[in-house]
C-alpha atoms as a PDB file:
ATOM      1  CA  MET A   1       0.000   0.000   0.000  1.00  0.00           C
ATOM      2  CA  ARG A   2       1.350   3.395  -0.926  1.00  0.00           C
ATOM      3  CA  VAL A   3       0.855   6.088   1.697  1.00  0.00           C
ATOM      4  CA  LYS A   4       1.727   9.760   1.898  1.00  0.00           C
ATOM      5  CA  CYS A   5       2.969  11.522   5.036  1.00  0.00           C
ATOM      6  CA  VAL A   6       0.629  14.276   6.165  1.00  0.00           C
ATOM      7  CA  ILE A   7       3.444  16.616   7.187  1.00  0.00           C
ATOM      8  CA  CYS A   8       6.298  16.225   4.693  1.00  0.00           C
ATOM      9  CA  ASP A   9       4.366  14.672   1.737  1.00  0.00           C
ATOM     10  CA  LYS A  10       6.877  11.820   1.444  1.00  0.00           C
ATOM     11  CA  ILE A  11       5.407   8.768  -0.284  1.00  0.00           C
ATOM     12  CA  GLU A  12       6.239   5.385   1.260  1.00  0.00           C
ATOM     13  CA  THR A  13       4.998   1.838   0.939  1.00  0.00           C
ATOM     14  CA  ILE A  14       3.733  -0.231   3.856  1.00  0.00           C
ATOM     15  CA  ASN A  15       2.666  -3.853   4.017  1.00  0.00           C
ATOM     16  CA  ASP A  16      -1.028  -4.348   3.165  1.00  0.00           C
ATOM     17  CA  GLU A  17      -1.523  -6.803   6.020  1.00  0.00           C
ATOM     18  CA  THR A  18      -0.416  -4.576   8.900  1.00  0.00           C
ATOM     19  CA  LEU A  19      -2.786  -3.057  11.419  1.00  0.00           C
ATOM     20  CA  GLN A  20      -1.831   0.441  10.300  1.00  0.00           C
ATOM     21  CA  ALA A  21      -2.748  -0.323   6.677  1.00  0.00           C
ATOM     22  CA  LYS A  22      -6.108  -1.709   7.765  1.00  0.00           C
ATOM     23  CA  GLN A  23      -6.839   1.406   9.835  1.00  0.00           C
ATOM     24  CA  LEU A  24      -5.979   3.663   6.907  1.00  0.00           C
ATOM     25  CA  ARG A  25      -8.246   1.699   4.564  1.00  0.00           C
ATOM     26  CA  ASN A  26     -11.253   1.419   6.861  1.00  0.00           C
ATOM     27  CA  ARG A  27     -11.205   4.756   8.665  1.00  0.00           C
ATOM     28  CA  PRO A  28     -10.481   7.788   6.486  1.00  0.00           C
ATOM     29  CA  ILE A  29      -9.979   9.989   9.568  1.00  0.00           C
ATOM     30  CA  HIS A  30      -6.730   8.134  10.339  1.00  0.00           C
ATOM     31  CA  THR A  31      -3.722   9.728   8.691  1.00  0.00           C
ATOM     32  CA  TYR A  32      -0.207   8.452   8.037  1.00  0.00           C
ATOM     33  CA  MET A  33       2.933  10.067   9.444  1.00  0.00           C
ATOM     34  CA  CYS A  34       6.407   8.829   8.455  1.00  0.00           C
ATOM     35  CA  ASN A  35       8.937   7.747  11.093  1.00  0.00           C
ATOM     36  CA  ASP A  36      11.145  10.812  10.529  1.00  0.00           C
ATOM     37  CA  CYS A  37       8.292  13.219  11.278  1.00  0.00           C
ATOM     38  CA  HIS A  38       7.087  11.101  14.200  1.00  0.00           C
ATOM     39  CA  ILE A  39      10.545  11.140  15.834  1.00  0.00           C
ATOM     40  CA  ARG A  40      11.007  14.871  15.162  1.00  0.00           C
ATOM     41  CA  ILE A  41       7.666  15.744  16.767  1.00  0.00           C
ATOM     42  CA  ALA A  42       8.384  13.504  19.774  1.00  0.00           C
ATOM     43  CA  GLU A  43      11.767  15.178  20.358  1.00  0.00           C
ATOM     44  CA  ASN A  44      10.293  18.673  20.063  1.00  0.00           C
ATOM     45  CA  THR A  45       7.487  17.778  22.472  1.00  0.00           C
ATOM     46  CA  LYS A  46       9.984  16.477  25.040  1.00  0.00           C
ATOM     47  CA  LYS A  47      11.945  19.746  24.751  1.00  0.00           C
ATOM     48  CA  ARG A  48       8.751  21.760  25.290  1.00  0.00           C
ATOM     49  CA  ILE A  49       7.821  19.705  28.354  1.00  0.00           C
ATOM     50  CA  GLN A  50      11.272  20.334  29.880  1.00  0.00           C
ATOM     51  CA  THR A  51      10.835  24.109  29.604  1.00  0.00           C
ATOM     52  CA  GLY A  52       7.944  24.012  32.073  1.00  0.00           C
ATOM     53  CA  GLN A  53       5.705  26.117  29.831  1.00  0.00           C
ATOM     54  CA  PHE A  54       3.960  23.113  28.267  1.00  0.00           C
ATOM     55  CA  ARG A  55       0.494  22.221  29.524  1.00  0.00           C
ATOM     56  CA  LEU A  56      -1.357  19.136  28.443  1.00  0.00           C
ATOM     57  CA  TYR A  57      -5.083  19.818  28.540  1.00  0.00           C
ATOM     58  CA  LYS A  58      -7.107  16.674  29.045  1.00  0.00           C
ATOM     59  CA  SER A  59     -10.861  16.549  28.941  1.00  0.00           C
ATOM     60  CA  PRO A  60     -12.410  16.024  32.370  1.00  0.00           C
ATOM     61  CA  VAL A  61     -13.629  12.518  33.008  1.00  0.00           C
ATOM     62  CA  GLU A  62     -17.211  12.373  34.167  1.00  0.00           C
ATOM     63  CA  LYS A  63     -17.935  10.016  37.017  1.00  0.00           C
ATOM     64  CA  ASP A  64     -21.031   7.880  36.881  1.00  0.00           C
ATOM     65  CA  ASP A  65     -23.225   8.051  39.952  1.00  0.00           C
ATOM     66  CA  TRP A  66     -24.511   4.534  40.457  1.00  0.00           C
END
């Protein structure tokens, strides 16, 4: 399966039988990101966390009253 990275527009091929290929075929909302972009974003995020100015906003979890 030929896929295109969302960020850098690099075209790569992945195995048709992998879980990632199945997700891309069945759910169009899923997008592909190449390993280079994935690593670069992870490194930049770690640097931002170390500065102390990074806040991760999570949605509040509602508790069920049983």
